[in-house]
């Protein structure tokens, strides 16, 4: 089985490198304004531009009837440029894991549940300033361990293609990696993320 999809509902910050889901590309500009305390005039504080992409393929094998085991790989890269600083900030994450999926037969509609776990790493390069005002870029590297559960339903177009819609909840624990320019203000943390995913599965051989 080969599968790929997109996230329909996925809340994460552009500088949060702990979670990604599905394939995607984005490019947008954002302006941030502040309203004056005197009167109602607004002034521009700063602007930034964000560009990035995400990959999220899955490969599985039908080990038993209606029971799939496999591996998944997730990668996300993003760059952000601000009006008040020239160097771009860069964020990326890479995760590799295993999953199991159980289908429940109901005609062309196949409800299923899924669970998985894995590990990975992230790297964030962001702008910082010393107490004296000097500008420099700091690097934050983290090791990631995650586990998740999901549930949804598949529609069987034919014996090879399935369209899937499922909700996924993932918990990710990240641990800072000590480096020479590591930002030590943050420590180990646990993040919880929710995604609604629409995907397509292709089976190389028709199911028996």
N, C-alpha and C. Protein backbone atom coordinates (compact mmCIF):
# COMPACT_ATOMS: atom_id res chain seq x y z
N UNK A 1 0.84 -1.19 0.00
CA UNK A 1 0.00 0.00 0.00
C UNK A 1 0.88 1.24 0.00
N UNK A 2 0.56 2.18 -0.88
CA UNK A 2 1.21 3.49 -0.89
C UNK A 2 0.14 4.53 -0.62
N UNK A 3 0.44 5.49 0.26
CA UNK A 3 -0.58 6.47 0.66
C UNK A 3 0.02 7.85 0.81
N UNK A 4 -0.77 8.85 0.45
CA UNK A 4 -0.38 10.24 0.64
C UNK A 4 -1.62 11.10 0.76
N UNK A 5 -1.51 12.22 1.47
CA UNK A 5 -2.67 13.07 1.66
C UNK A 5 -2.31 14.48 2.07
N UNK A 6 -3.34 15.22 2.48
CA UNK A 6 -3.16 16.60 2.92
C UNK A 6 -3.91 16.78 4.24
N UNK A 7 -3.43 17.71 5.05
CA UNK A 7 -4.09 18.02 6.31
C UNK A 7 -5.11 19.12 6.08
N UNK A 8 -6.37 18.85 6.50
CA UNK A 8 -7.45 19.83 6.31
C UNK A 8 -7.55 20.80 7.48
N UNK A 9 -7.32 20.32 8.68
CA UNK A 9 -7.33 21.15 9.88
C UNK A 9 -6.08 20.82 10.66
N UNK A 10 -5.17 21.78 10.77
CA UNK A 10 -3.89 21.49 11.38
C UNK A 10 -3.35 22.79 11.97
N UNK A 11 -3.42 22.93 13.28
CA UNK A 11 -2.96 24.15 13.93
C UNK A 11 -1.51 23.97 14.40
N UNK A 12 -0.60 24.72 13.77
CA UNK A 12 0.78 24.75 14.24
C UNK A 12 1.39 26.07 13.82
N UNK A 13 2.32 26.56 14.60
CA UNK A 13 3.02 27.80 14.27
C UNK A 13 4.10 27.51 13.24
N UNK A 14 4.45 28.53 12.43
CA UNK A 14 5.47 28.31 11.41
C UNK A 14 6.83 27.98 12.01
N UNK A 15 7.06 28.37 13.28
CA UNK A 15 8.34 28.09 13.92
C UNK A 15 8.26 26.90 14.87
N UNK A 16 7.16 26.14 14.82
CA UNK A 16 7.04 24.93 15.63
C UNK A 16 7.45 23.75 14.76
N UNK A 17 8.61 23.17 15.02
CA UNK A 17 9.17 22.12 14.17
C UNK A 17 8.88 20.73 14.69
N UNK A 18 7.92 20.56 15.61
CA UNK A 18 7.70 19.26 16.23
C UNK A 18 6.65 18.42 15.52
N UNK A 19 5.85 19.02 14.62
CA UNK A 19 4.72 18.28 14.05
C UNK A 19 4.49 18.68 12.60
N UNK A 20 4.21 17.70 11.78
CA UNK A 20 3.77 17.94 10.41
C UNK A 20 2.93 16.76 9.97
N UNK A 21 2.07 16.97 8.98
CA UNK A 21 1.20 15.89 8.51
C UNK A 21 0.83 16.13 7.05
N UNK A 22 1.03 15.14 6.20
CA UNK A 22 0.62 15.22 4.81
C UNK A 22 1.57 16.03 3.94
N UNK A 23 1.16 16.17 2.67
CA UNK A 23 1.92 16.94 1.69
C UNK A 23 1.37 18.35 1.62
N UNK A 24 2.22 19.31 1.29
CA UNK A 24 1.73 20.67 1.17
C UNK A 24 2.82 21.66 0.79
N UNK A 25 2.39 22.84 0.35
CA UNK A 25 3.28 23.96 0.03
C UNK A 25 2.56 25.24 0.41
N UNK A 26 3.28 26.20 0.96
CA UNK A 26 2.66 27.47 1.33
C UNK A 26 3.63 28.63 1.10
N UNK A 27 3.03 29.76 0.83
CA UNK A 27 3.79 31.01 0.65
C UNK A 27 2.82 32.15 0.95
N UNK A 28 3.12 32.94 1.98
CA UNK A 28 2.22 34.04 2.33
C UNK A 28 2.99 35.17 3.00
N UNK A 29 2.37 36.34 2.99
CA UNK A 29 2.90 37.53 3.67
C UNK A 29 1.93 37.92 4.77
N UNK A 30 2.47 38.44 5.86
CA UNK A 30 1.61 38.87 6.96
C UNK A 30 2.13 40.20 7.51
N UNK A 31 1.17 41.13 7.74
CA UNK A 31 1.49 42.43 8.34
C UNK A 31 0.86 42.50 9.73
N UNK A 32 1.62 42.98 10.70
CA UNK A 32 1.13 43.11 12.07
C UNK A 32 1.04 44.60 12.43
N UNK A 33 -0.17 45.02 12.87
CA UNK A 33 -0.43 46.43 13.18
C UNK A 33 -0.70 46.60 14.67
N UNK A 34 -0.54 47.84 15.12
CA UNK A 34 -0.86 48.20 16.50
C UNK A 34 -1.72 49.46 16.49
N UNK A 35 -2.76 49.46 17.32
CA UNK A 35 -3.64 50.61 17.39
C UNK A 35 -3.14 51.59 18.44
N UNK A 36 -3.14 52.86 18.10
CA UNK A 36 -2.64 53.89 18.99
C UNK A 36 -3.56 54.03 20.21
N UNK A 37 -2.96 54.32 21.38
CA UNK A 37 -3.75 54.55 22.59
C UNK A 37 -4.54 55.85 22.49
N UNK A 38 -4.04 56.77 21.71
CA UNK A 38 -4.72 58.05 21.51
C UNK A 38 -5.33 58.05 20.12
N UNK A 39 -6.62 58.07 20.03
CA UNK A 39 -7.28 58.01 18.73
C UNK A 39 -7.42 56.57 18.28
N UNK A 40 -7.71 56.37 17.01
CA UNK A 40 -7.92 55.03 16.47
C UNK A 40 -6.98 54.72 15.30
N UNK A 41 -5.87 55.46 15.24
CA UNK A 41 -4.93 55.23 14.14
C UNK A 41 -4.15 53.94 14.38
N UNK A 42 -3.90 53.23 13.29
CA UNK A 42 -3.11 52.01 13.35
C UNK A 42 -1.77 52.23 12.65
N UNK A 43 -0.74 51.62 13.21
CA UNK A 43 0.59 51.73 12.61
C UNK A 43 1.17 50.33 12.41
N UNK A 44 1.93 50.17 11.36
CA UNK A 44 2.55 48.88 11.05
C UNK A 44 3.73 48.63 11.97
N UNK A 45 3.71 47.49 12.66
CA UNK A 45 4.82 47.13 13.55
C UNK A 45 5.91 46.41 12.77
N UNK A 46 5.53 45.30 12.11
CA UNK A 46 6.48 44.56 11.29
C UNK A 46 5.72 43.65 10.34
N UNK A 47 6.42 43.17 9.32
CA UNK A 47 5.86 42.23 8.36
C UNK A 47 6.82 41.05 8.23
N UNK A 48 6.26 39.92 7.82
CA UNK A 48 7.13 38.78 7.52
C UNK A 48 6.56 37.96 6.38
N UNK A 49 7.43 37.22 5.75
CA UNK A 49 7.06 36.34 4.64
C UNK A 49 7.47 34.92 4.98
N UNK A 50 6.55 33.98 4.79
CA UNK A 50 6.79 32.58 5.12
C UNK A 50 6.65 31.71 3.87
N UNK A 51 7.61 30.83 3.64
CA UNK A 51 7.59 29.91 2.52
C UNK A 51 8.04 28.54 3.00
N UNK A 52 7.31 27.49 2.62
CA UNK A 52 7.73 26.17 3.06
C UNK A 52 6.98 25.06 2.34
N UNK A 53 7.37 23.84 2.66
CA UNK A 53 6.71 22.67 2.08
C UNK A 53 6.77 21.51 3.06
N UNK A 54 5.90 20.52 2.85
CA UNK A 54 5.84 19.35 3.72
C UNK A 54 5.67 18.09 2.88
N UNK A 55 6.26 16.99 3.35
CA UNK A 55 6.14 15.68 2.71
C UNK A 55 5.66 14.68 3.76
N UNK A 56 4.79 13.73 3.34
CA UNK A 56 4.29 12.77 4.31
C UNK A 56 3.84 11.46 3.69
N UNK A 57 4.74 10.69 3.03
CA UNK A 57 4.34 9.43 2.42
C UNK A 57 4.24 8.29 3.43
N UNK A 58 3.39 7.30 3.10
CA UNK A 58 3.26 6.08 3.90
C UNK A 58 3.39 4.87 2.98
N UNK A 59 4.05 3.83 3.47
CA UNK A 59 4.15 2.56 2.77
C UNK A 59 3.72 1.45 3.72
N UNK A 60 2.81 0.59 3.27
CA UNK A 60 2.30 -0.46 4.14
C UNK A 60 2.22 -1.80 3.44
N UNK A 61 2.03 -2.83 4.24
CA UNK A 61 1.89 -4.20 3.73
C UNK A 61 0.71 -4.85 4.43
N UNK A 62 -0.15 -5.51 3.65
CA UNK A 62 -1.32 -6.18 4.21
C UNK A 62 -0.86 -7.51 4.80
N UNK A 63 -0.57 -7.48 6.09
CA UNK A 63 -0.03 -8.67 6.75
C UNK A 63 -1.10 -9.73 6.94
N UNK A 64 -2.29 -9.31 7.37
CA UNK A 64 -3.44 -10.20 7.52
C UNK A 64 -4.64 -9.52 6.88
N UNK A 65 -5.75 -10.22 6.79
CA UNK A 65 -6.94 -9.63 6.20
C UNK A 65 -7.37 -8.39 6.98
N UNK A 66 -7.50 -7.26 6.27
CA UNK A 66 -7.92 -5.99 6.87
C UNK A 66 -6.95 -5.46 7.92
N UNK A 67 -5.71 -5.90 7.89
CA UNK A 67 -4.72 -5.49 8.88
C UNK A 67 -3.44 -5.08 8.15
N UNK A 68 -3.07 -3.80 8.25
CA UNK A 68 -1.92 -3.25 7.52
C UNK A 68 -0.86 -2.79 8.51
N UNK A 69 0.39 -3.14 8.23
CA UNK A 69 1.53 -2.61 8.99
C UNK A 69 2.43 -1.87 8.01
N UNK A 70 3.13 -0.86 8.50
CA UNK A 70 3.97 -0.12 7.57
C UNK A 70 4.84 0.92 8.23
N UNK A 71 5.45 1.75 7.40
CA UNK A 71 6.33 2.82 7.85
C UNK A 71 5.85 4.13 7.24
N UNK A 72 6.11 5.22 7.94
CA UNK A 72 5.80 6.53 7.39
C UNK A 72 6.98 7.46 7.60
N UNK A 73 7.05 8.47 6.76
CA UNK A 73 8.13 9.45 6.83
C UNK A 73 7.51 10.83 6.69
N UNK A 74 7.92 11.75 7.55
CA UNK A 74 7.39 13.11 7.54
C UNK A 74 8.54 14.12 7.56
N UNK A 75 8.45 15.09 6.68
CA UNK A 75 9.48 16.13 6.61
C UNK A 75 8.81 17.47 6.34
N UNK A 76 9.26 18.49 7.04
CA UNK A 76 8.75 19.85 6.83
C UNK A 76 9.89 20.84 6.91
N UNK A 77 9.90 21.78 5.98
CA UNK A 77 10.92 22.83 5.96
C UNK A 77 10.24 24.17 5.73
N UNK A 78 10.70 25.19 6.46
CA UNK A 78 10.08 26.50 6.36
C UNK A 78 11.13 27.58 6.55
N UNK A 79 10.99 28.66 5.82
CA UNK A 79 11.87 29.82 5.99
C UNK A 79 11.01 31.07 6.17
N UNK A 80 11.48 31.97 7.03
CA UNK A 80 10.73 33.19 7.36
C UNK A 80 11.68 34.38 7.28
N UNK A 81 11.26 35.41 6.58
CA UNK A 81 12.05 36.64 6.49
C UNK A 81 11.24 37.80 7.04
N UNK A 82 11.87 38.64 7.87
CA UNK A 82 11.22 39.78 8.52
C UNK A 82 11.69 41.09 7.90
N UNK A 83 10.85 42.12 8.04
CA UNK A 83 11.23 43.43 7.52
C UNK A 83 12.33 44.07 8.35
N UNK A 84 12.40 43.72 9.65
CA UNK A 84 13.36 44.39 10.53
C UNK A 84 14.68 43.62 10.67
N UNK A 85 14.81 42.46 10.03
CA UNK A 85 16.07 41.72 10.10
C UNK A 85 16.31 41.04 8.77
N UNK A 86 17.54 41.09 8.27
CA UNK A 86 17.85 40.56 6.95
C UNK A 86 18.00 39.04 6.92
N UNK A 87 18.72 38.42 7.86
CA UNK A 87 18.89 36.96 7.76
C UNK A 87 17.54 36.23 7.89
N UNK A 88 17.33 35.21 7.08
CA UNK A 88 16.11 34.41 7.17
C UNK A 88 16.19 33.45 8.35
N UNK A 89 15.05 33.25 8.99
CA UNK A 89 14.95 32.20 9.99
C UNK A 89 14.51 30.92 9.29
N UNK A 90 15.08 29.77 9.71
CA UNK A 90 14.81 28.51 9.03
C UNK A 90 14.41 27.45 10.07
N UNK A 91 13.39 26.67 9.72
CA UNK A 91 12.89 25.62 10.60
C UNK A 91 12.64 24.36 9.78
N UNK A 92 13.11 23.22 10.29
CA UNK A 92 12.81 21.96 9.60
C UNK A 92 12.73 20.82 10.60
N UNK A 93 11.98 19.80 10.23
CA UNK A 93 11.84 18.62 11.06
C UNK A 93 11.78 17.39 10.17
N UNK A 94 12.30 16.28 10.68
CA UNK A 94 12.29 15.00 9.97
C UNK A 94 11.90 13.91 10.96
N UNK A 95 10.90 13.09 10.60
CA UNK A 95 10.41 12.04 11.50
C UNK A 95 10.18 10.75 10.72
N UNK A 96 10.55 9.63 11.33
CA UNK A 96 10.36 8.31 10.74
C UNK A 96 9.70 7.40 11.78
N UNK A 97 8.68 6.65 11.37
CA UNK A 97 7.98 5.81 12.34
C UNK A 97 7.33 4.60 11.71
N UNK A 98 6.66 3.82 12.53
CA UNK A 98 5.91 2.64 12.10
C UNK A 98 4.46 2.81 12.52
N UNK A 99 3.54 2.13 11.80
CA UNK A 99 2.13 2.23 12.13
C UNK A 99 1.44 0.89 11.88
N UNK A 100 0.30 0.73 12.51
CA UNK A 100 -0.58 -0.42 12.27
C UNK A 100 -1.98 0.13 12.04
N UNK A 101 -2.72 -0.49 11.10
CA UNK A 101 -4.07 -0.04 10.78
C UNK A 101 -4.99 -1.25 10.67
N UNK A 102 -6.16 -1.14 11.27
CA UNK A 102 -7.16 -2.20 11.24
C UNK A 102 -8.42 -1.68 10.58
N UNK A 103 -8.83 -2.34 9.47
CA UNK A 103 -10.07 -2.00 8.79
C UNK A 103 -11.22 -2.87 9.31
N UNK A 104 -12.43 -2.33 9.25
CA UNK A 104 -13.65 -3.07 9.60
C UNK A 104 -14.57 -3.05 8.38
N UNK A 105 -14.81 -4.21 7.82
CA UNK A 105 -15.57 -4.29 6.57
C UNK A 105 -17.02 -3.86 6.76
N UNK A 106 -17.48 -3.02 5.81
CA UNK A 106 -18.89 -2.59 5.80
C UNK A 106 -19.25 -2.18 4.38
N UNK A 107 -19.07 -3.09 3.43
CA UNK A 107 -19.34 -2.78 2.03
C UNK A 107 -18.23 -1.92 1.45
N UNK A 108 -18.63 -0.88 0.71
CA UNK A 108 -17.63 0.01 0.11
C UNK A 108 -17.07 0.99 1.15
N UNK A 109 -17.75 1.11 2.29
CA UNK A 109 -17.27 1.96 3.37
C UNK A 109 -16.52 1.11 4.39
N UNK A 110 -15.30 1.53 4.72
CA UNK A 110 -14.44 0.75 5.61
C UNK A 110 -13.97 1.61 6.78
N UNK A 111 -14.64 1.56 7.92
CA UNK A 111 -14.12 2.25 9.10
C UNK A 111 -12.78 1.64 9.51
N UNK A 112 -11.90 2.44 10.11
CA UNK A 112 -10.61 1.91 10.54
C UNK A 112 -10.07 2.68 11.72
N UNK A 113 -9.17 2.04 12.43
CA UNK A 113 -8.40 2.68 13.50
C UNK A 113 -6.93 2.48 13.20
N UNK A 114 -6.10 3.37 13.73
CA UNK A 114 -4.67 3.32 13.43
C UNK A 114 -3.88 3.84 14.62
N UNK A 115 -2.69 3.29 14.82
CA UNK A 115 -1.78 3.77 15.85
C UNK A 115 -0.35 3.69 15.35
N UNK A 116 0.51 4.53 15.88
CA UNK A 116 1.90 4.52 15.44
C UNK A 116 2.80 5.24 16.40
N UNK A 117 4.10 5.06 16.19
CA UNK A 117 5.12 5.74 16.99
C UNK A 117 6.38 5.87 16.16
N UNK A 118 7.26 6.78 16.59
CA UNK A 118 8.50 6.99 15.85
C UNK A 118 9.39 8.00 16.53
N UNK A 119 10.41 8.41 15.80
CA UNK A 119 11.40 9.35 16.34
C UNK A 119 11.87 10.26 15.21
N UNK A 120 12.63 11.29 15.57
CA UNK A 120 13.14 12.20 14.57
C UNK A 120 13.96 13.30 15.19
N UNK A 121 14.13 14.38 14.47
CA UNK A 121 14.90 15.51 14.97
C UNK A 121 14.41 16.78 14.29
N UNK A 122 14.70 17.90 14.93
CA UNK A 122 14.33 19.19 14.37
C UNK A 122 15.49 20.17 14.54
N UNK A 123 15.51 21.18 13.68
CA UNK A 123 16.53 22.22 13.74
C UNK A 123 15.88 23.56 13.46
N UNK A 124 16.11 24.53 14.33
CA UNK A 124 15.59 25.88 14.17
C UNK A 124 16.74 26.86 14.20
N UNK A 125 16.83 27.72 13.21
CA UNK A 125 17.83 28.78 13.14
C UNK A 125 17.08 30.10 13.14
N UNK A 126 17.23 30.86 14.23
CA UNK A 126 16.44 32.09 14.37
C UNK A 126 17.32 33.25 14.81
N UNK A 127 16.82 34.46 14.58
CA UNK A 127 17.56 35.67 14.90
C UNK A 127 17.48 35.97 16.39
N UNK A 128 18.59 36.43 16.94
CA UNK A 128 18.66 36.76 18.36
C UNK A 128 19.56 37.98 18.53
N UNK A 129 19.58 38.50 19.74
CA UNK A 129 20.40 39.68 20.03
C UNK A 129 21.09 39.51 21.37
N UNK A 130 22.33 39.94 21.45
CA UNK A 130 23.09 39.88 22.68
C UNK A 130 22.67 41.02 23.60
N UNK A 131 23.03 40.96 24.90
CA UNK A 131 22.70 42.07 25.81
C UNK A 131 23.20 43.43 25.32
N UNK A 132 24.28 43.42 24.54
CA UNK A 132 24.82 44.67 24.02
C UNK A 132 24.14 45.15 22.75
N UNK A 133 23.21 44.34 22.23
CA UNK A 133 22.48 44.75 21.04
C UNK A 133 22.99 44.15 19.75
N UNK A 134 24.06 43.34 19.81
CA UNK A 134 24.60 42.73 18.59
C UNK A 134 23.65 41.65 18.08
N UNK A 135 23.42 41.63 16.76
CA UNK A 135 22.55 40.66 16.14
C UNK A 135 23.32 39.41 15.74
N UNK A 136 22.72 38.25 15.98
CA UNK A 136 23.33 36.98 15.56
C UNK A 136 22.23 35.94 15.39
N UNK A 137 22.58 34.80 14.81
CA UNK A 137 21.61 33.71 14.63
C UNK A 137 21.94 32.57 15.58
N UNK A 138 20.92 32.11 16.28
CA UNK A 138 21.05 31.02 17.24
C UNK A 138 20.42 29.75 16.66
N UNK A 139 21.01 28.61 17.01
CA UNK A 139 20.52 27.32 16.50
C UNK A 139 19.97 26.48 17.64
N UNK A 140 18.79 25.92 17.42
CA UNK A 140 18.15 25.06 18.42
C UNK A 140 17.91 23.69 17.78
N UNK A 141 18.59 22.66 18.27
CA UNK A 141 18.42 21.29 17.76
C UNK A 141 17.71 20.46 18.82
N UNK A 142 16.79 19.60 18.37
CA UNK A 142 16.03 18.78 19.31
C UNK A 142 15.84 17.37 18.77
N UNK A 143 15.88 16.40 19.68
CA UNK A 143 15.51 15.03 19.37
C UNK A 143 14.03 14.84 19.67
N UNK A 144 13.31 14.15 18.79
CA UNK A 144 11.87 13.99 18.92
C UNK A 144 11.49 12.52 19.08
N UNK A 145 10.51 12.26 19.94
CA UNK A 145 9.88 10.95 20.06
C UNK A 145 8.38 11.19 20.08
N UNK A 146 7.63 10.43 19.26
CA UNK A 146 6.19 10.69 19.17
C UNK A 146 5.40 9.38 19.13
N UNK A 147 4.14 9.48 19.49
CA UNK A 147 3.18 8.40 19.33
C UNK A 147 1.82 9.02 19.02
N UNK A 148 0.96 8.27 18.31
CA UNK A 148 -0.31 8.85 17.91
C UNK A 148 -1.38 7.77 17.78
N UNK A 149 -2.62 8.23 17.77
CA UNK A 149 -3.78 7.40 17.50
C UNK A 149 -4.67 8.09 16.50
N UNK A 150 -5.37 7.31 15.67
CA UNK A 150 -6.22 7.90 14.64
C UNK A 150 -7.43 7.01 14.40
N UNK A 151 -8.49 7.60 13.90
CA UNK A 151 -9.69 6.87 13.54
C UNK A 151 -10.39 7.56 12.40
N UNK A 152 -10.96 6.77 11.47
CA UNK A 152 -11.64 7.38 10.34
C UNK A 152 -12.38 6.36 9.51
N UNK A 153 -12.63 6.73 8.26
CA UNK A 153 -13.38 5.87 7.36
C UNK A 153 -12.81 5.97 5.96
N UNK A 154 -12.81 4.85 5.24
CA UNK A 154 -12.33 4.80 3.87
C UNK A 154 -13.47 4.45 2.92
N UNK A 155 -13.40 5.01 1.71
CA UNK A 155 -14.35 4.66 0.66
C UNK A 155 -13.61 3.93 -0.44
N UNK A 156 -14.06 2.73 -0.78
CA UNK A 156 -13.40 1.90 -1.77
C UNK A 156 -13.89 2.25 -3.17
N UNK A 157 -13.05 2.95 -3.95
CA UNK A 157 -13.40 3.28 -5.33
C UNK A 157 -13.41 2.01 -6.18
N UNK A 158 -12.35 1.21 -6.01
CA UNK A 158 -12.25 -0.10 -6.64
C UNK A 158 -11.32 -0.95 -5.79
N UNK A 159 -10.82 -2.06 -6.35
CA UNK A 159 -9.99 -2.95 -5.56
C UNK A 159 -8.61 -2.39 -5.27
N UNK A 160 -8.22 -1.32 -5.94
CA UNK A 160 -6.88 -0.75 -5.76
C UNK A 160 -6.88 0.59 -5.03
N UNK A 161 -7.94 1.36 -5.16
CA UNK A 161 -7.93 2.72 -4.63
C UNK A 161 -8.92 2.88 -3.48
N UNK A 162 -8.44 3.55 -2.41
CA UNK A 162 -9.29 3.95 -1.29
C UNK A 162 -9.11 5.44 -1.05
N UNK A 163 -10.21 6.13 -0.74
CA UNK A 163 -10.15 7.51 -0.28
C UNK A 163 -10.42 7.50 1.22
N UNK A 164 -9.53 8.14 2.00
CA UNK A 164 -9.61 8.08 3.45
C UNK A 164 -9.83 9.46 4.07
N UNK A 165 -10.61 9.50 5.12
CA UNK A 165 -10.78 10.70 5.93
C UNK A 165 -10.66 10.28 7.38
N UNK A 166 -9.67 10.85 8.09
CA UNK A 166 -9.47 10.43 9.47
C UNK A 166 -8.94 11.58 10.33
N UNK A 167 -9.22 11.46 11.63
CA UNK A 167 -8.72 12.42 12.61
C UNK A 167 -7.55 11.78 13.35
N UNK A 168 -6.54 12.57 13.62
CA UNK A 168 -5.31 12.07 14.23
C UNK A 168 -4.90 12.95 15.40
N UNK A 169 -4.52 12.31 16.50
CA UNK A 169 -4.00 13.01 17.68
C UNK A 169 -2.60 12.51 17.94
N UNK A 170 -1.63 13.42 17.96
CA UNK A 170 -0.23 13.03 18.16
C UNK A 170 0.37 13.76 19.36
N UNK A 171 1.13 13.01 20.15
CA UNK A 171 1.88 13.57 21.27
C UNK A 171 3.37 13.45 20.94
N UNK A 172 4.09 14.56 21.04
CA UNK A 172 5.50 14.60 20.69
C UNK A 172 6.31 15.13 21.86
N UNK A 173 7.34 14.39 22.25
CA UNK A 173 8.26 14.84 23.29
C UNK A 173 9.57 15.24 22.62
N UNK A 174 10.02 16.46 22.89
CA UNK A 174 11.29 16.91 22.32
C UNK A 174 12.30 17.19 23.41
N UNK A 175 13.56 16.84 23.15
CA UNK A 175 14.65 17.02 24.10
C UNK A 175 15.75 17.83 23.44
N UNK A 176 16.19 18.95 24.02
CA UNK A 176 17.25 19.76 23.41
C UNK A 176 18.55 18.98 23.27
N UNK A 177 19.23 19.21 22.17
CA UNK A 177 20.55 18.62 21.92
C UNK A 177 21.60 19.69 22.22
N UNK A 178 22.54 19.38 23.07
CA UNK A 178 23.55 20.36 23.46
C UNK A 178 24.51 20.65 22.30
N UNK A 179 24.61 21.92 21.93
CA UNK A 179 25.57 22.38 20.91
C UNK A 179 26.23 23.65 21.41
N UNK A 180 27.23 24.12 20.65
CA UNK A 180 27.99 25.29 21.08
C UNK A 180 27.13 26.54 21.16
N UNK A 181 26.19 26.71 20.22
CA UNK A 181 25.34 27.90 20.21
C UNK A 181 23.90 27.55 20.51
N UNK A 182 23.71 26.54 21.36
CA UNK A 182 22.37 26.10 21.74
C UNK A 182 21.67 27.15 22.60
N UNK A 183 20.40 27.38 22.30
CA UNK A 183 19.59 28.25 23.15
C UNK A 183 19.13 27.44 24.36
N UNK A 184 19.67 27.73 25.53
CA UNK A 184 19.40 26.92 26.72
C UNK A 184 18.22 27.43 27.54
N UNK A 185 17.48 28.41 27.01
CA UNK A 185 16.35 28.95 27.76
C UNK A 185 15.16 27.98 27.77
N UNK A 186 15.14 27.02 26.83
CA UNK A 186 14.05 26.07 26.75
C UNK A 186 14.55 24.68 27.12
N UNK A 187 13.66 23.86 27.69
CA UNK A 187 14.03 22.52 28.11
C UNK A 187 13.10 21.52 27.45
N UNK A 188 13.10 20.30 27.96
CA UNK A 188 12.26 19.25 27.40
C UNK A 188 10.79 19.63 27.51
N UNK A 189 10.02 19.28 26.48
CA UNK A 189 8.60 19.62 26.47
C UNK A 189 7.80 18.52 25.80
N UNK A 190 6.48 18.56 25.99
CA UNK A 190 5.55 17.61 25.39
C UNK A 190 4.47 18.39 24.68
N UNK A 191 4.32 18.16 23.36
CA UNK A 191 3.33 18.86 22.56
C UNK A 191 2.24 17.90 22.13
N UNK A 192 1.00 18.40 22.06
CA UNK A 192 -0.13 17.63 21.57
C UNK A 192 -0.72 18.36 20.37
N UNK A 193 -0.91 17.63 19.27
CA UNK A 193 -1.43 18.23 18.04
C UNK A 193 -2.55 17.38 17.48
N UNK A 194 -3.51 18.04 16.82
CA UNK A 194 -4.65 17.36 16.20
C UNK A 194 -4.69 17.75 14.72
N UNK A 195 -4.94 16.75 13.87
CA UNK A 195 -5.05 17.00 12.43
C UNK A 195 -6.22 16.21 11.86
N UNK A 196 -6.87 16.78 10.86
CA UNK A 196 -7.90 16.09 10.08
C UNK A 196 -7.31 15.88 8.69
N UNK A 197 -7.18 14.61 8.28
CA UNK A 197 -6.41 14.26 7.09
C UNK A 197 -7.30 13.63 6.03
N UNK A 198 -7.12 14.08 4.79
CA UNK A 198 -7.76 13.47 3.62
C UNK A 198 -6.65 12.85 2.78
N UNK A 199 -6.74 11.54 2.52
CA UNK A 199 -5.66 10.86 1.82
C UNK A 199 -6.21 9.84 0.82
N UNK A 200 -5.32 9.35 -0.02
CA UNK A 200 -5.64 8.33 -1.02
C UNK A 200 -4.67 7.17 -0.84
N UNK A 201 -5.19 5.94 -0.80
CA UNK A 201 -4.37 4.73 -0.69
C UNK A 201 -4.43 3.96 -2.00
N UNK A 202 -3.27 3.44 -2.42
CA UNK A 202 -3.19 2.63 -3.62
C UNK A 202 -2.56 1.28 -3.26
N UNK A 203 -3.27 0.19 -3.57
CA UNK A 203 -2.77 -1.15 -3.31
C UNK A 203 -2.20 -1.74 -4.60
N UNK A 204 -0.98 -2.25 -4.52
CA UNK A 204 -0.31 -2.74 -5.73
C UNK A 204 -0.99 -3.97 -6.32
N UNK A 205 -1.59 -4.79 -5.46
CA UNK A 205 -2.32 -5.96 -5.93
C UNK A 205 -3.74 -5.87 -5.40
N UNK A 206 -4.74 -6.31 -6.20
CA UNK A 206 -6.12 -6.29 -5.72
C UNK A 206 -6.28 -7.16 -4.47
N UNK A 207 -7.08 -6.69 -3.53
CA UNK A 207 -7.31 -7.46 -2.33
C UNK A 207 -8.09 -8.73 -2.65
N UNK A 208 -7.78 -9.84 -2.00
CA UNK A 208 -8.44 -11.12 -2.24
C UNK A 208 -9.70 -11.22 -1.40
